[in-house]
C-alpha atoms as a PDB file:
ATOM      1  CA  UNK A   1      -7.394   6.564  26.234  1.00  0.00           C
ATOM      2  CA  UNK A   2      -4.644   5.939  23.670  1.00  0.00           C
ATOM      3  CA  UNK A   3      -7.156   4.605  21.143  1.00  0.00           C
ATOM      4  CA  UNK A   4      -9.301   7.693  21.658  1.00  0.00           C
ATOM      5  CA  UNK A   5      -6.308   9.929  20.942  1.00  0.00           C
ATOM      6  CA  UNK A   6      -5.492   7.938  17.795  1.00  0.00           C
ATOM      7  CA  UNK A   7      -9.050   8.242  16.505  1.00  0.00           C
ATOM      8  CA  UNK A   8      -9.060  11.994  17.185  1.00  0.00           C
ATOM      9  CA  UNK A   9      -5.674  12.400  15.480  1.00  0.00           C
ATOM     10  CA  UNK A  10      -6.934  10.517  12.408  1.00  0.00           C
ATOM     11  CA  UNK A  11     -10.108  12.620  12.323  1.00  0.00           C
ATOM     12  CA  UNK A  12      -8.067  15.823  12.586  1.00  0.00           C
ATOM     13  CA  UNK A  13      -5.809  14.686   9.740  1.00  0.00           C
ATOM     14  CA  UNK A  14      -8.847  13.877   7.577  1.00  0.00           C
ATOM     15  CA  UNK A  15     -10.294  17.341   8.138  1.00  0.00           C
ATOM     16  CA  UNK A  16      -7.006  19.132   7.530  1.00  0.00           C
ATOM     17  CA  UNK A  17      -5.860  17.336   4.381  1.00  0.00           C
ATOM     18  CA  UNK A  18      -8.164  14.553   3.186  1.00  0.00           C
ATOM     19  CA  UNK A  19      -6.440  14.221  -0.198  1.00  0.00           C
ATOM     20  CA  UNK A  20      -3.069  13.500   1.345  1.00  0.00           C
ATOM     21  CA  UNK A  21      -4.545  10.931   3.703  1.00  0.00           C
ATOM     22  CA  UNK A  22      -6.132   8.958   0.839  1.00  0.00           C
ATOM     23  CA  UNK A  23      -2.885   9.180  -1.114  1.00  0.00           C
ATOM     24  CA  UNK A  24      -1.001   7.848   1.912  1.00  0.00           C
ATOM     25  CA  UNK A  25      -3.376   4.879   2.148  1.00  0.00           C
ATOM     26  CA  UNK A  26      -3.135   4.023  -1.542  1.00  0.00           C
ATOM     27  CA  UNK A  27       0.638   4.449  -1.754  1.00  0.00           C
ATOM     28  CA  UNK A  28       1.559   2.968   1.615  1.00  0.00           C
ATOM     29  CA  UNK A  29       4.088   0.165   1.699  1.00  0.00           C
ATOM     30  CA  UNK A  30       1.433  -2.551   1.852  1.00  0.00           C
ATOM     31  CA  UNK A  31      -1.409  -0.616   0.208  1.00  0.00           C
ATOM     32  CA  UNK A  32       0.358  -0.604  -3.153  1.00  0.00           C
ATOM     33  CA  UNK A  33       0.999  -4.341  -3.062  1.00  0.00           C
ATOM     34  CA  UNK A  34      -2.518  -5.205  -1.892  1.00  0.00           C
ATOM     35  CA  UNK A  35      -4.119  -3.093  -4.617  1.00  0.00           C
ATOM     36  CA  UNK A  36      -1.887  -4.508  -7.356  1.00  0.00           C
ATOM     37  CA  UNK A  37      -2.538  -8.100  -6.253  1.00  0.00           C
ATOM     38  CA  UNK A  38      -6.298  -7.590  -5.995  1.00  0.00           C
ATOM     39  CA  UNK A  39      -6.322  -6.318  -9.591  1.00  0.00           C
ATOM     40  CA  UNK A  40      -5.736  -9.906 -10.660  1.00  0.00           C
ATOM     41  CA  UNK A  41      -8.586 -11.522  -8.730  1.00  0.00           C
ATOM     42  CA  UNK A  42     -10.306 -11.757  -5.328  1.00  0.00           C
ATOM     43  CA  UNK A  43      -8.227 -13.353  -2.571  1.00  0.00           C
ATOM     44  CA  UNK A  44      -8.779 -14.967   0.763  1.00  0.00           C
ATOM     45  CA  UNK A  45      -6.736 -13.405   3.563  1.00  0.00           C
ATOM     46  CA  UNK A  46      -4.038 -16.084   3.735  1.00  0.00           C
ATOM     47  CA  UNK A  47      -3.737 -16.211  -0.080  1.00  0.00           C
ATOM     48  CA  UNK A  48      -3.343 -12.456  -0.229  1.00  0.00           C
ATOM     49  CA  UNK A  49      -0.726 -12.530   2.510  1.00  0.00           C
ATOM     50  CA  UNK A  50       1.327 -15.081   0.555  1.00  0.00           C
ATOM     51  CA  UNK A  51       0.888 -13.155  -2.711  1.00  0.00           C
ATOM     52  CA  UNK A  52       2.078  -9.904  -1.144  1.00  0.00           C
ATOM     53  CA  UNK A  53       5.001 -11.783   0.416  1.00  0.00           C
ATOM     54  CA  UNK A  54       6.269 -12.748  -3.039  1.00  0.00           C
ATOM     55  CA  UNK A  55       7.544  -9.194  -3.412  1.00  0.00           C
ATOM     56  CA  UNK A  56      10.406 -10.000  -1.074  1.00  0.00           C
ATOM     57  CA  UNK A  57       9.142  -9.150   2.386  1.00  0.00           C
ATOM     58  CA  UNK A  58       6.430 -10.859   4.393  1.00  0.00           C
ATOM     59  CA  UNK A  59       3.574  -8.754   5.685  1.00  0.00           C
ATOM     60  CA  UNK A  60       2.403  -9.517   9.219  1.00  0.00           C
ATOM     61  CA  UNK A  61      -1.207 -10.494   9.825  1.00  0.00           C
ATOM     62  CA  UNK A  62      -1.661  -7.306  11.827  1.00  0.00           C
ATOM     63  CA  UNK A  63      -0.359  -5.030   9.057  1.00  0.00           C
ATOM     64  CA  UNK A  64      -2.351  -6.783   6.353  1.00  0.00           C
ATOM     65  CA  UNK A  65      -5.490  -6.550   8.481  1.00  0.00           C
ATOM     66  CA  UNK A  66      -4.914  -2.836   9.113  1.00  0.00           C
ATOM     67  CA  UNK A  67      -4.202  -2.185   5.438  1.00  0.00           C
ATOM     68  CA  UNK A  68      -7.334  -4.031   4.304  1.00  0.00           C
ATOM     69  CA  UNK A  69      -9.489  -2.241   6.894  1.00  0.00           C
ATOM     70  CA  UNK A  70      -8.121   1.139   5.835  1.00  0.00           C
ATOM     71  CA  UNK A  71      -8.712   0.434   2.151  1.00  0.00           C
ATOM     72  CA  UNK A  72     -12.177  -0.932   2.936  1.00  0.00           C
ATOM     73  CA  UNK A  73     -13.017   2.217   4.895  1.00  0.00           C
ATOM     74  CA  UNK A  74     -11.849   4.328   1.952  1.00  0.00           C
ATOM     75  CA  UNK A  75     -14.208   2.379  -0.335  1.00  0.00           C
ATOM     76  CA  UNK A  76     -11.497   0.600  -2.316  1.00  0.00           C
ATOM     77  CA  UNK A  77     -11.697  -2.943  -0.978  1.00  0.00           C
ATOM     78  CA  UNK A  78     -14.798  -5.081  -0.544  1.00  0.00           C
ATOM     79  CA  UNK A  79     -14.806  -7.640   2.276  1.00  0.00           C
ATOM     80  CA  UNK A  80     -17.163 -10.552   1.658  1.00  0.00           C
ATOM     81  CA  UNK A  81     -17.658 -12.740   4.744  1.00  0.00           C
ATOM     82  CA  UNK A  82     -19.350 -16.047   3.909  1.00  0.00           C
ATOM     83  CA  UNK A  83     -21.502 -17.643   6.634  1.00  0.00           C
ATOM     84  CA  UNK A  84     -19.776 -21.031   6.562  1.00  0.00           C
ATOM     85  CA  UNK A  85     -17.724 -23.115   8.946  1.00  0.00           C
ATOM     86  CA  UNK A  86     -14.809 -22.587   8.949  1.00  0.00           C
ATOM     87  CA  UNK A  87     -15.258 -18.893   8.236  1.00  0.00           C
ATOM     88  CA  UNK A  88     -14.353 -17.721   4.754  1.00  0.00           C
ATOM     89  CA  UNK A  89     -13.648 -14.104   3.864  1.00  0.00           C
ATOM     90  CA  UNK A  90     -12.815 -12.908   0.375  1.00  0.00           C
ATOM     91  CA  UNK A  91     -11.319  -9.548  -0.499  1.00  0.00           C
ATOM     92  CA  UNK A  92     -11.805  -7.836  -3.848  1.00  0.00           C
ATOM     93  CA  UNK A  93     -11.583  -4.369  -5.328  1.00  0.00           C
ATOM     94  CA  UNK A  94     -14.521  -2.038  -5.686  1.00  0.00           C
ATOM     95  CA  UNK A  95     -14.814   0.098  -8.808  1.00  0.00           C
ATOM     96  CA  UNK A  96     -13.038   2.909  -6.982  1.00  0.00           C
ATOM     97  CA  UNK A  97     -10.350   0.493  -5.815  1.00  0.00           C
ATOM     98  CA  UNK A  98      -9.837  -0.815  -9.346  1.00  0.00           C
ATOM     99  CA  UNK A  99      -9.276   2.744 -10.610  1.00  0.00           C
ATOM    100  CA  UNK A 100      -6.734   3.417  -7.853  1.00  0.00           C
ATOM    101  CA  UNK A 101      -5.028   0.057  -8.392  1.00  0.00           C
ATOM    102  CA  UNK A 102      -4.610   0.684 -12.111  1.00  0.00           C
ATOM    103  CA  UNK A 103      -2.961   4.039 -11.372  1.00  0.00           C
ATOM    104  CA  UNK A 104      -0.677   2.498  -8.762  1.00  0.00           C
ATOM    105  CA  UNK A 105       0.207  -0.370 -11.101  1.00  0.00           C
ATOM    106  CA  UNK A 106       1.208   2.130 -13.808  1.00  0.00           C
ATOM    107  CA  UNK A 107       3.526   3.842 -11.325  1.00  0.00           C
ATOM    108  CA  UNK A 108       4.895   0.459 -10.226  1.00  0.00           C
ATOM    109  CA  UNK A 109       5.651  -0.519 -13.823  1.00  0.00           C
ATOM    110  CA  UNK A 110       7.289   2.849 -14.461  1.00  0.00           C
ATOM    111  CA  UNK A 111       9.441   2.374 -11.355  1.00  0.00           C
ATOM    112  CA  UNK A 112      10.515  -1.097 -12.473  1.00  0.00           C
ATOM    113  CA  UNK A 113      11.411   0.200 -15.937  1.00  0.00           C
ATOM    114  CA  UNK A 114      13.372   3.203 -14.653  1.00  0.00           C
ATOM    115  CA  UNK A 115      15.104   1.653 -11.647  1.00  0.00           C
ATOM    116  CA  UNK A 116      18.469   1.489 -13.440  1.00  0.00           C
ATOM    117  CA  UNK A 117      18.351   5.220 -14.169  1.00  0.00           C
ATOM    118  CA  UNK A 118      17.399   6.003 -10.571  1.00  0.00           C
ATOM    119  CA  UNK A 119      20.260   3.876  -9.251  1.00  0.00           C
ATOM    120  CA  UNK A 120      22.723   5.606 -11.602  1.00  0.00           C
ATOM    121  CA  UNK A 121      21.463   9.034 -10.497  1.00  0.00           C
ATOM    122  CA  UNK A 122      21.908   8.010  -6.861  1.00  0.00           C
ATOM    123  CA  UNK A 123      25.475   6.851  -7.512  1.00  0.00           C
ATOM    124  CA  UNK A 124      26.339  10.093  -9.284  1.00  0.00           C
ATOM    125  CA  UNK A 125      24.794  12.157  -6.494  1.00  0.00           C
ATOM    126  CA  UNK A 126      26.597  10.215  -3.751  1.00  0.00           C
ATOM    127  CA  UNK A 127      29.936  10.472  -5.574  1.00  0.00           C
ATOM    128  CA  UNK A 128      29.520  14.227  -6.070  1.00  0.00           C
ATOM    129  CA  UNK A 129      28.652  14.680  -2.385  1.00  0.00           C
ATOM    130  CA  UNK A 130      31.621  12.608  -1.341  1.00  0.00           C
ATOM    131  CA  UNK A 131      33.978  14.637  -3.553  1.00  0.00           C
ATOM    132  CA  UNK A 132      32.475  17.876  -2.229  1.00  0.00           C
ATOM    133  CA  UNK A 133      32.982  16.845   1.395  1.00  0.00           C
ATOM    134  CA  UNK A 134      36.628  15.892   0.707  1.00  0.00           C
ATOM    135  CA  UNK A 135      37.290  19.295  -0.841  1.00  0.00           C
ATOM    136  CA  UNK A 136      35.937  21.104   2.228  1.00  0.00           C
END
């Protein structure tokens, strides 16, 4: 019953605002990192998990699986299961996924280059708020 409600909620969200839902998938915490990593080359699941973990926080198998399935459903990730023992699955970007990943990478690079300015703005904001609350 809970799964049925989740599926219906997702379907409702897709009908109401499909653009926002795609944007959420692409810019999600793990979606960004998966897309940026897959720009470099195809990865096996465990390789991709380690690569994403280099950004400072490990992604669980469950979250990586969900992220890959979501991006695959949206047509951005290709899952290639090889019929070998042990099983081998490779993940790569589709053309659509490559376009999205390049956009996300540009935003990531901008964020890295402007982080100092953002941190300074935050400090100034917090100090002004603190001074304002003392004056009240």
